């Protein structure tokens, strides 16, 4: 898997005044992370004597909850990163499932190409109506333009081909940004989560070395707390980053497959039109 570059494939904006709820979702997830850190991880039952300042209890799920709480103030930020990646991954999964349409895209491509081979444009349009999704929407729009200009005597052949090609490009440019929406957030967190985890690791190690620097016997409690903080933040940062990288690569692969199908049918339509248009 390749590490995503958040600047490499930034989705185009569909409208300057359209409301994007992503920021509000992120703020809401941050609030959820703080509540989880304070009231679940920081629950007194997770610690000896019921005090979060003490060590976590020695057994059960409370031990792990208390241990993660010892990761310090960076933990809520890392939990937020994890929740953002998870939330937008689910959103992309649902959106791309809808974009795929009603059935297999590969089968749809074959059916449309077979109809084009016998110049049955109406049947190809009917297939696009049934398929729906991003691929179906693009093909429906392009085939509609195909029928509209095929017998237009006010345009010569080159003008018709150019008009149809522009229709294909316009239709594709409207669909692709919707497929890529929120992927830049996932790509950014693939890198940022690791850096935030590293920050928590450094803060934890500073506490650990401060405990070692005390005169006389080292403060073993402070030393263990610092090391726990360092390792917990490392684990959370790496885990969130790994999830983001896997998610980003999975969804970009799905999008590439859909855009390839659009290009494949678009090429067939253009080839058919160029051979028939007058």
C-alpha atoms as a PDB file:
ATOM      1  CA  UNK A   1       0.000   0.000   0.000  1.00  0.00           C
ATOM      2  CA  UNK A   2       1.204   3.496  -0.770  1.00  0.00           C
ATOM      3  CA  UNK A   3       0.930   6.323   1.728  1.00  0.00           C
ATOM      4  CA  UNK A   4      -1.641   8.816   0.427  1.00  0.00           C
ATOM      5  CA  UNK A   5      -0.555  12.313  -0.514  1.00  0.00           C
ATOM      6  CA  UNK A   6      -3.346  14.702   0.531  1.00  0.00           C
ATOM      7  CA  UNK A   7      -2.302  17.227  -2.125  1.00  0.00           C
ATOM      8  CA  UNK A   8      -2.104  14.748  -4.978  1.00  0.00           C
ATOM      9  CA  UNK A   9      -5.804  14.242  -5.712  1.00  0.00           C
ATOM     10  CA  UNK A  10      -7.742  17.073  -4.142  1.00  0.00           C
ATOM     11  CA  UNK A  11     -11.389  16.828  -5.183  1.00  0.00           C
ATOM     12  CA  UNK A  12     -12.743  19.679  -7.243  1.00  0.00           C
ATOM     13  CA  UNK A  13     -15.341  21.851  -5.602  1.00  0.00           C
ATOM     14  CA  UNK A  14     -18.786  21.555  -7.087  1.00  0.00           C
ATOM     15  CA  UNK A  15     -20.007  24.949  -5.893  1.00  0.00           C
ATOM     16  CA  UNK A  16     -18.658  27.910  -4.005  1.00  0.00           C
ATOM     17  CA  UNK A  17     -21.768  28.366  -1.851  1.00  0.00           C
ATOM     18  CA  UNK A  18     -22.571  24.718  -1.088  1.00  0.00           C
ATOM     19  CA  UNK A  19     -22.614  23.853   2.613  1.00  0.00           C
ATOM     20  CA  UNK A  20     -20.111  21.206   3.673  1.00  0.00           C
ATOM     21  CA  UNK A  21     -21.021  19.573   7.008  1.00  0.00           C
ATOM     22  CA  UNK A  22     -17.584  17.960   7.387  1.00  0.00           C
ATOM     23  CA  UNK A  23     -16.340  20.592   9.848  1.00  0.00           C
ATOM     24  CA  UNK A  24     -19.368  20.215  12.100  1.00  0.00           C
ATOM     25  CA  UNK A  25     -18.969  16.434  12.005  1.00  0.00           C
ATOM     26  CA  UNK A  26     -15.314  16.733  13.047  1.00  0.00           C
ATOM     27  CA  UNK A  27     -16.199  19.102  15.904  1.00  0.00           C
ATOM     28  CA  UNK A  28     -18.929  16.708  17.043  1.00  0.00           C
ATOM     29  CA  UNK A  29     -16.535  13.757  16.981  1.00  0.00           C
ATOM     30  CA  UNK A  30     -14.002  15.738  19.022  1.00  0.00           C
ATOM     31  CA  UNK A  31     -16.698  16.371  21.638  1.00  0.00           C
ATOM     32  CA  UNK A  32     -17.526  12.638  21.663  1.00  0.00           C
ATOM     33  CA  UNK A  33     -13.823  11.822  22.121  1.00  0.00           C
ATOM     34  CA  UNK A  34     -13.512  14.195  25.099  1.00  0.00           C
ATOM     35  CA  UNK A  35     -16.631  12.722  26.727  1.00  0.00           C
ATOM     36  CA  UNK A  36     -15.334   9.176  26.157  1.00  0.00           C
ATOM     37  CA  UNK A  37     -11.906  10.057  27.560  1.00  0.00           C
ATOM     38  CA  UNK A  38     -13.335  11.827  30.626  1.00  0.00           C
ATOM     39  CA  UNK A  39     -16.247   9.643  31.626  1.00  0.00           C
ATOM     40  CA  UNK A  40     -15.385   6.199  30.230  1.00  0.00           C
ATOM     41  CA  UNK A  41     -11.604   5.967  30.254  1.00  0.00           C
ATOM     42  CA  UNK A  42     -11.382   8.245  33.295  1.00  0.00           C
ATOM     43  CA  UNK A  43     -14.077   6.453  35.290  1.00  0.00           C
ATOM     44  CA  UNK A  44     -12.951   5.937  38.890  1.00  0.00           C
ATOM     45  CA  UNK A  45     -13.768   2.208  38.661  1.00  0.00           C
ATOM     46  CA  UNK A  46     -10.802   1.835  36.302  1.00  0.00           C
ATOM     47  CA  UNK A  47      -8.282   2.913  38.945  1.00  0.00           C
ATOM     48  CA  UNK A  48      -7.065   1.790  42.340  1.00  0.00           C
ATOM     49  CA  UNK A  49      -8.918   3.593  45.098  1.00  0.00           C
ATOM     50  CA  UNK A  50     -11.310   5.088  42.550  1.00  0.00           C
ATOM     51  CA  UNK A  51      -8.881   7.919  41.813  1.00  0.00           C
ATOM     52  CA  UNK A  52      -7.701   8.519  38.187  1.00  0.00           C
ATOM     53  CA  UNK A  53      -4.408   9.775  39.637  1.00  0.00           C
ATOM     54  CA  UNK A  54      -3.632   6.251  40.834  1.00  0.00           C
ATOM     55  CA  UNK A  55      -2.574   3.229  38.798  1.00  0.00           C
ATOM     56  CA  UNK A  56      -5.177   1.312  36.769  1.00  0.00           C
ATOM     57  CA  UNK A  57      -6.715  -1.758  38.412  1.00  0.00           C
ATOM     58  CA  UNK A  58      -4.864  -5.004  37.780  1.00  0.00           C
ATOM     59  CA  UNK A  59      -7.446  -6.998  35.829  1.00  0.00           C
ATOM     60  CA  UNK A  60     -10.496  -6.912  33.587  1.00  0.00           C
ATOM     61  CA  UNK A  61     -11.557  -4.428  30.937  1.00  0.00           C
ATOM     62  CA  UNK A  62     -11.162  -1.653  33.512  1.00  0.00           C
ATOM     63  CA  UNK A  63      -7.409  -2.251  33.451  1.00  0.00           C
ATOM     64  CA  UNK A  64      -7.213  -1.430  29.735  1.00  0.00           C
ATOM     65  CA  UNK A  65      -9.576   1.533  29.984  1.00  0.00           C
ATOM     66  CA  UNK A  66      -7.514   3.005  32.794  1.00  0.00           C
ATOM     67  CA  UNK A  67      -4.274   2.323  30.928  1.00  0.00           C
ATOM     68  CA  UNK A  68      -5.487   4.241  27.878  1.00  0.00           C
ATOM     69  CA  UNK A  69      -6.555   7.115  30.116  1.00  0.00           C
ATOM     70  CA  UNK A  70      -2.954   7.314  31.313  1.00  0.00           C
ATOM     71  CA  UNK A  71      -1.972   8.283  27.774  1.00  0.00           C
ATOM     72  CA  UNK A  72      -2.638  11.891  28.715  1.00  0.00           C
ATOM     73  CA  UNK A  73      -4.195  14.870  26.985  1.00  0.00           C
ATOM     74  CA  UNK A  74      -3.154  13.765  23.501  1.00  0.00           C
ATOM     75  CA  UNK A  75      -5.398  10.682  23.730  1.00  0.00           C
ATOM     76  CA  UNK A  76      -8.685  12.555  23.019  1.00  0.00           C
ATOM     77  CA  UNK A  77      -7.107  14.030  19.885  1.00  0.00           C
ATOM     78  CA  UNK A  78      -6.017  10.591  18.694  1.00  0.00           C
ATOM     79  CA  UNK A  79      -9.441   9.148  19.481  1.00  0.00           C
ATOM     80  CA  UNK A  80     -10.905  11.973  17.391  1.00  0.00           C
ATOM     81  CA  UNK A  81      -8.593  11.045  14.493  1.00  0.00           C
ATOM     82  CA  UNK A  82      -9.695   7.423  14.730  1.00  0.00           C
ATOM     83  CA  UNK A  83     -13.398   8.375  14.842  1.00  0.00           C
ATOM     84  CA  UNK A  84     -13.014  10.743  11.871  1.00  0.00           C
ATOM     85  CA  UNK A  85     -11.358   8.059   9.756  1.00  0.00           C
ATOM     86  CA  UNK A  86     -13.988   5.507  10.772  1.00  0.00           C
ATOM     87  CA  UNK A  87     -16.915   7.879  10.178  1.00  0.00           C
ATOM     88  CA  UNK A  88     -15.804   9.104   6.760  1.00  0.00           C
ATOM     89  CA  UNK A  89     -14.816   5.582   5.705  1.00  0.00           C
ATOM     90  CA  UNK A  90     -18.353   4.402   6.426  1.00  0.00           C
ATOM     91  CA  UNK A  91     -19.734   7.449   4.596  1.00  0.00           C
ATOM     92  CA  UNK A  92     -17.533   6.757   1.551  1.00  0.00           C
ATOM     93  CA  UNK A  93     -18.461   3.072   1.568  1.00  0.00           C
ATOM     94  CA  UNK A  94     -22.179   3.913   1.456  1.00  0.00           C
ATOM     95  CA  UNK A  95     -21.704   6.673  -1.137  1.00  0.00           C
ATOM     96  CA  UNK A  96     -19.610   4.523  -3.470  1.00  0.00           C
ATOM     97  CA  UNK A  97     -22.089   1.664  -3.131  1.00  0.00           C
ATOM     98  CA  UNK A  98     -24.795   4.051  -4.358  1.00  0.00           C
ATOM     99  CA  UNK A  99     -22.486   5.398  -7.077  1.00  0.00           C
ATOM    100  CA  UNK A 100     -21.927   1.869  -8.401  1.00  0.00           C
ATOM    101  CA  UNK A 101     -25.604   1.637  -9.224  1.00  0.00           C
ATOM    102  CA  UNK A 102     -28.204  -1.102  -9.243  1.00  0.00           C
ATOM    103  CA  UNK A 103     -26.054  -3.955 -10.522  1.00  0.00           C
ATOM    104  CA  UNK A 104     -22.616  -5.030 -11.654  1.00  0.00           C
ATOM    105  CA  UNK A 105     -20.851  -2.190 -13.453  1.00  0.00           C
ATOM    106  CA  UNK A 106     -18.870  -4.617 -15.607  1.00  0.00           C
ATOM    107  CA  UNK A 107     -22.086  -6.284 -16.798  1.00  0.00           C
ATOM    108  CA  UNK A 108     -23.606  -2.873 -17.462  1.00  0.00           C
ATOM    109  CA  UNK A 109     -20.578  -1.899 -19.556  1.00  0.00           C
ATOM    110  CA  UNK A 110     -20.876  -5.074 -21.621  1.00  0.00           C
ATOM    111  CA  UNK A 111     -24.605  -4.574 -22.203  1.00  0.00           C
ATOM    112  CA  UNK A 112     -24.207  -0.957 -23.300  1.00  0.00           C
ATOM    113  CA  UNK A 113     -21.340  -1.837 -25.644  1.00  0.00           C
ATOM    114  CA  UNK A 114     -23.404  -4.643 -27.175  1.00  0.00           C
ATOM    115  CA  UNK A 115     -26.297  -2.228 -27.816  1.00  0.00           C
ATOM    116  CA  UNK A 116     -23.933   0.318 -29.333  1.00  0.00           C
ATOM    117  CA  UNK A 117     -22.526  -2.353 -31.617  1.00  0.00           C
ATOM    118  CA  UNK A 118     -25.954  -2.723 -33.237  1.00  0.00           C
ATOM    119  CA  UNK A 119     -26.744   1.028 -33.061  1.00  0.00           C
ATOM    120  CA  UNK A 120     -29.543   0.522 -30.548  1.00  0.00           C
ATOM    121  CA  UNK A 121     -29.164   3.792 -28.662  1.00  0.00           C
ATOM    122  CA  UNK A 122     -32.611   3.563 -27.038  1.00  0.00           C
ATOM    123  CA  UNK A 123     -31.763   0.190 -25.495  1.00  0.00           C
ATOM    124  CA  UNK A 124     -28.447   1.599 -24.207  1.00  0.00           C
ATOM    125  CA  UNK A 125     -30.358   4.519 -22.657  1.00  0.00           C
ATOM    126  CA  UNK A 126     -32.756   2.081 -21.010  1.00  0.00           C
ATOM    127  CA  UNK A 127     -29.794   0.223 -19.516  1.00  0.00           C
ATOM    128  CA  UNK A 128     -28.447   3.505 -18.117  1.00  0.00           C
ATOM    129  CA  UNK A 129     -31.861   4.270 -16.601  1.00  0.00           C
ATOM    130  CA  UNK A 130     -31.896   0.901 -14.857  1.00  0.00           C
ATOM    131  CA  UNK A 131     -28.281   1.081 -13.679  1.00  0.00           C
ATOM    132  CA  UNK A 132     -28.392   4.566 -12.148  1.00  0.00           C
ATOM    133  CA  UNK A 133     -25.351   5.507 -10.055  1.00  0.00           C
ATOM    134  CA  UNK A 134     -22.455   7.634 -11.313  1.00  0.00           C
ATOM    135  CA  UNK A 135     -21.669   5.473 -14.342  1.00  0.00           C
ATOM    136  CA  UNK A 136     -25.331   5.260 -15.343  1.00  0.00           C
ATOM    137  CA  UNK A 137     -25.814   9.011 -14.913  1.00  0.00           C
ATOM    138  CA  UNK A 138     -22.851   9.884 -17.138  1.00  0.00           C
ATOM    139  CA  UNK A 139     -23.821   7.443 -19.864  1.00  0.00           C
ATOM    140  CA  UNK A 140     -27.460   8.558 -19.800  1.00  0.00           C
ATOM    141  CA  UNK A 141     -26.424  12.188 -20.223  1.00  0.00           C
ATOM    142  CA  UNK A 142     -23.985  11.426 -23.037  1.00  0.00           C
ATOM    143  CA  UNK A 143     -26.383   9.149 -24.912  1.00  0.00           C
ATOM    144  CA  UNK A 144     -29.102  11.769 -24.584  1.00  0.00           C
ATOM    145  CA  UNK A 145     -26.794  14.262 -26.258  1.00  0.00           C
ATOM    146  CA  UNK A 146     -25.921  11.601 -28.858  1.00  0.00           C
ATOM    147  CA  UNK A 147     -29.584  11.333 -29.922  1.00  0.00           C
ATOM    148  CA  UNK A 148     -30.070  15.087 -29.795  1.00  0.00           C
ATOM    149  CA  UNK A 149     -27.281  16.024 -32.190  1.00  0.00           C
ATOM    150  CA  UNK A 150     -27.026  12.951 -34.426  1.00  0.00           C
ATOM    151  CA  UNK A 151     -29.493  14.269 -37.006  1.00  0.00           C
ATOM    152  CA  UNK A 152     -28.841  17.964 -36.367  1.00  0.00           C
ATOM    153  CA  UNK A 153     -28.241  19.490 -39.802  1.00  0.00           C
ATOM    154  CA  UNK A 154     -27.021  22.789 -38.354  1.00  0.00           C
ATOM    155  CA  UNK A 155     -23.735  21.178 -37.247  1.00  0.00           C
ATOM    156  CA  UNK A 156     -21.070  19.456 -39.303  1.00  0.00           C
ATOM    157  CA  UNK A 157     -19.502  16.147 -38.294  1.00  0.00           C
ATOM    158  CA  UNK A 158     -16.539  17.669 -36.465  1.00  0.00           C
ATOM    159  CA  UNK A 159     -18.776  19.995 -34.487  1.00  0.00           C
ATOM    160  CA  UNK A 160     -21.005  17.097 -33.477  1.00  0.00           C
ATOM    161  CA  UNK A 161     -18.041  15.003 -32.328  1.00  0.00           C
ATOM    162  CA  UNK A 162     -16.629  17.958 -30.372  1.00  0.00           C
ATOM    163  CA  UNK A 163     -20.015  18.630 -28.784  1.00  0.00           C
ATOM    164  CA  UNK A 164     -20.451  15.020 -27.717  1.00  0.00           C
ATOM    165  CA  UNK A 165     -16.911  14.875 -26.349  1.00  0.00           C
ATOM    166  CA  UNK A 166     -17.544  18.016 -24.299  1.00  0.00           C
ATOM    167  CA  UNK A 167     -20.755  16.495 -22.969  1.00  0.00           C
ATOM    168  CA  UNK A 168     -18.788  13.435 -21.838  1.00  0.00           C
ATOM    169  CA  UNK A 169     -16.166  15.575 -20.116  1.00  0.00           C
ATOM    170  CA  UNK A 170     -18.779  17.770 -18.414  1.00  0.00           C
ATOM    171  CA  UNK A 171     -20.805  14.803 -17.185  1.00  0.00           C
ATOM    172  CA  UNK A 172     -17.687  13.093 -15.842  1.00  0.00           C
ATOM    173  CA  UNK A 173     -16.447  16.256 -14.125  1.00  0.00           C
ATOM    174  CA  UNK A 174     -19.747  16.516 -12.233  1.00  0.00           C
ATOM    175  CA  UNK A 175     -19.625  12.939 -10.936  1.00  0.00           C
ATOM    176  CA  UNK A 176     -15.949  12.388 -10.075  1.00  0.00           C
ATOM    177  CA  UNK A 177     -15.704  15.103  -7.364  1.00  0.00           C
ATOM    178  CA  UNK A 178     -18.631  13.501  -5.567  1.00  0.00           C
ATOM    179  CA  UNK A 179     -16.827  10.159  -5.642  1.00  0.00           C
ATOM    180  CA  UNK A 180     -13.694  11.723  -4.140  1.00  0.00           C
ATOM    181  CA  UNK A 181     -15.475  13.796  -1.502  1.00  0.00           C
ATOM    182  CA  UNK A 182     -13.895  13.576   2.000  1.00  0.00           C
ATOM    183  CA  UNK A 183     -11.002  11.423   0.759  1.00  0.00           C
ATOM    184  CA  UNK A 184      -8.643  14.353   1.342  1.00  0.00           C
ATOM    185  CA  UNK A 185      -9.598  14.256   5.049  1.00  0.00           C
ATOM    186  CA  UNK A 186      -8.751  10.552   5.270  1.00  0.00           C
ATOM    187  CA  UNK A 187      -5.496  11.114   3.369  1.00  0.00           C
ATOM    188  CA  UNK A 188      -4.490  13.946   5.697  1.00  0.00           C
ATOM    189  CA  UNK A 189      -5.145  11.884   8.812  1.00  0.00           C
ATOM    190  CA  UNK A 190      -3.010   9.055   7.418  1.00  0.00           C
ATOM    191  CA  UNK A 191      -0.005  11.293   8.036  1.00  0.00           C
ATOM    192  CA  UNK A 192      -1.230  13.550  10.824  1.00  0.00           C
ATOM    193  CA  UNK A 193      -2.280  10.706  13.156  1.00  0.00           C
ATOM    194  CA  UNK A 194       1.262   9.374  13.243  1.00  0.00           C
ATOM    195  CA  UNK A 195       2.665  12.830  13.981  1.00  0.00           C
ATOM    196  CA  UNK A 196       0.158  13.432  16.790  1.00  0.00           C
ATOM    197  CA  UNK A 197       1.000  10.020  18.224  1.00  0.00           C
ATOM    198  CA  UNK A 198       4.685  10.919  18.049  1.00  0.00           C
ATOM    199  CA  UNK A 199       3.964  14.157  19.910  1.00  0.00           C
ATOM    200  CA  UNK A 200       2.253  12.179  22.672  1.00  0.00           C
ATOM    201  CA  UNK A 201       5.208   9.788  22.733  1.00  0.00           C
ATOM    202  CA  UNK A 202       7.667  12.651  23.196  1.00  0.00           C
ATOM    203  CA  UNK A 203       5.572  14.197  25.991  1.00  0.00           C
ATOM    204  CA  UNK A 204       5.412  10.831  27.741  1.00  0.00           C
ATOM    205  CA  UNK A 205       9.168  10.313  27.467  1.00  0.00           C
ATOM    206  CA  UNK A 206       9.769  13.802  28.869  1.00  0.00           C
ATOM    207  CA  UNK A 207       7.767  12.799  31.956  1.00  0.00           C
ATOM    208  CA  UNK A 208       9.655   9.510  32.207  1.00  0.00           C
ATOM    209  CA  UNK A 209      13.079  11.170  32.057  1.00  0.00           C
ATOM    210  CA  UNK A 210      11.954  13.821  34.521  1.00  0.00           C
ATOM    211  CA  UNK A 211      11.191  11.028  36.977  1.00  0.00           C
ATOM    212  CA  UNK A 212      14.670   9.570  36.413  1.00  0.00           C
ATOM    213  CA  UNK A 213      16.264  12.966  36.959  1.00  0.00           C
ATOM    214  CA  UNK A 214      14.981  13.277  40.543  1.00  0.00           C
ATOM    215  CA  UNK A 215      17.637  13.272  43.205  1.00  0.00           C
ATOM    216  CA  UNK A 216      17.941   9.995  45.092  1.00  0.00           C
ATOM    217  CA  UNK A 217      15.729   7.053  44.110  1.00  0.00           C
ATOM    218  CA  UNK A 218      13.750   7.533  40.861  1.00  0.00           C
ATOM    219  CA  UNK A 219      10.012   8.119  41.138  1.00  0.00           C
ATOM    220  CA  UNK A 220       8.920   4.725  39.800  1.00  0.00           C
ATOM    221  CA  UNK A 221       5.234   5.699  39.632  1.00  0.00           C
ATOM    222  CA  UNK A 222       5.983   8.793  37.547  1.00  0.00           C
ATOM    223  CA  UNK A 223       8.425   6.794  35.441  1.00  0.00           C
ATOM    224  CA  UNK A 224       5.859   4.094  34.632  1.00  0.00           C
ATOM    225  CA  UNK A 225       3.190   6.727  33.942  1.00  0.00           C
ATOM    226  CA  UNK A 226       5.463   8.536  31.479  1.00  0.00           C
ATOM    227  CA  UNK A 227       6.379   5.330  29.657  1.00  0.00           C
ATOM    228  CA  UNK A 228       2.699   4.281  29.515  1.00  0.00           C
ATOM    229  CA  UNK A 229       1.760   7.649  28.065  1.00  0.00           C
ATOM    230  CA  UNK A 230       4.464   7.363  25.424  1.00  0.00           C
ATOM    231  CA  UNK A 231       3.535   3.836  24.313  1.00  0.00           C
ATOM    232  CA  UNK A 232      -0.233   4.386  24.364  1.00  0.00           C
ATOM    233  CA  UNK A 233       0.034   7.449  22.152  1.00  0.00           C
ATOM    234  CA  UNK A 234       2.345   5.588  19.797  1.00  0.00           C
ATOM    235  CA  UNK A 235      -0.132   2.713  19.502  1.00  0.00           C
ATOM    236  CA  UNK A 236      -3.140   4.984  18.943  1.00  0.00           C
ATOM    237  CA  UNK A 237      -1.301   7.102  16.363  1.00  0.00           C
ATOM    238  CA  UNK A 238      -0.060   4.118  14.377  1.00  0.00           C
ATOM    239  CA  UNK A 239      -3.448   2.388  14.560  1.00  0.00           C
ATOM    240  CA  UNK A 240      -5.344   5.438  13.295  1.00  0.00           C
ATOM    241  CA  UNK A 241      -2.803   6.035  10.539  1.00  0.00           C
ATOM    242  CA  UNK A 242      -2.920   2.403   9.410  1.00  0.00           C
ATOM    243  CA  UNK A 243      -6.723   2.480   9.218  1.00  0.00           C
ATOM    244  CA  UNK A 244      -6.599   5.734   7.220  1.00  0.00           C
ATOM    245  CA  UNK A 245      -4.041   4.362   4.731  1.00  0.00           C
ATOM    246  CA  UNK A 246      -5.992   1.132   4.181  1.00  0.00           C
ATOM    247  CA  UNK A 247      -9.249   3.071   3.809  1.00  0.00           C
ATOM    248  CA  UNK A 248      -7.755   5.614   1.396  1.00  0.00           C
ATOM    249  CA  UNK A 249      -6.210   2.964  -0.840  1.00  0.00           C
ATOM    250  CA  UNK A 250      -9.387   0.889  -0.858  1.00  0.00           C
ATOM    251  CA  UNK A 251     -11.614   3.793  -1.870  1.00  0.00           C
ATOM    252  CA  UNK A 252      -9.226   5.232  -4.460  1.00  0.00           C
ATOM    253  CA  UNK A 253      -9.103   1.776  -6.020  1.00  0.00           C
ATOM    254  CA  UNK A 254     -12.904   1.679  -6.188  1.00  0.00           C
ATOM    255  CA  UNK A 255     -13.023   5.185  -7.686  1.00  0.00           C
ATOM    256  CA  UNK A 256     -10.363   4.329 -10.257  1.00  0.00           C
ATOM    257  CA  UNK A 257     -12.434   1.318 -11.273  1.00  0.00           C
ATOM    258  CA  UNK A 258     -15.569   3.437 -11.733  1.00  0.00           C
ATOM    259  CA  UNK A 259     -13.755   6.140 -13.713  1.00  0.00           C
ATOM    260  CA  UNK A 260     -12.174   3.455 -15.888  1.00  0.00           C
ATOM    261  CA  UNK A 261     -15.645   2.085 -16.670  1.00  0.00           C
ATOM    262  CA  UNK A 262     -16.867   5.579 -17.541  1.00  0.00           C
ATOM    263  CA  UNK A 263     -13.862   6.088 -19.826  1.00  0.00           C
ATOM    264  CA  UNK A 264     -14.382   2.684 -21.441  1.00  0.00           C
ATOM    265  CA  UNK A 265     -18.036   3.283 -22.303  1.00  0.00           C
ATOM    266  CA  UNK A 266     -17.318   6.899 -23.246  1.00  0.00           C
ATOM    267  CA  UNK A 267     -14.693   5.740 -25.724  1.00  0.00           C
ATOM    268  CA  UNK A 268     -17.149   3.230 -27.216  1.00  0.00           C
ATOM    269  CA  UNK A 269     -19.811   5.920 -27.564  1.00  0.00           C
ATOM    270  CA  UNK A 270     -17.396   8.346 -29.194  1.00  0.00           C
ATOM    271  CA  UNK A 271     -16.095   5.661 -31.556  1.00  0.00           C
ATOM    272  CA  UNK A 272     -19.634   4.648 -32.536  1.00  0.00           C
ATOM    273  CA  UNK A 273     -20.716   8.251 -33.056  1.00  0.00           C
ATOM    274  CA  UNK A 274     -17.630   9.150 -35.081  1.00  0.00           C
ATOM    275  CA  UNK A 275     -18.248   6.235 -37.440  1.00  0.00           C
ATOM    276  CA  UNK A 276     -21.953   7.058 -37.949  1.00  0.00           C
ATOM    277  CA  UNK A 277     -22.223  10.839 -37.772  1.00  0.00           C
ATOM    278  CA  UNK A 278     -22.453  12.900 -40.951  1.00  0.00           C
END
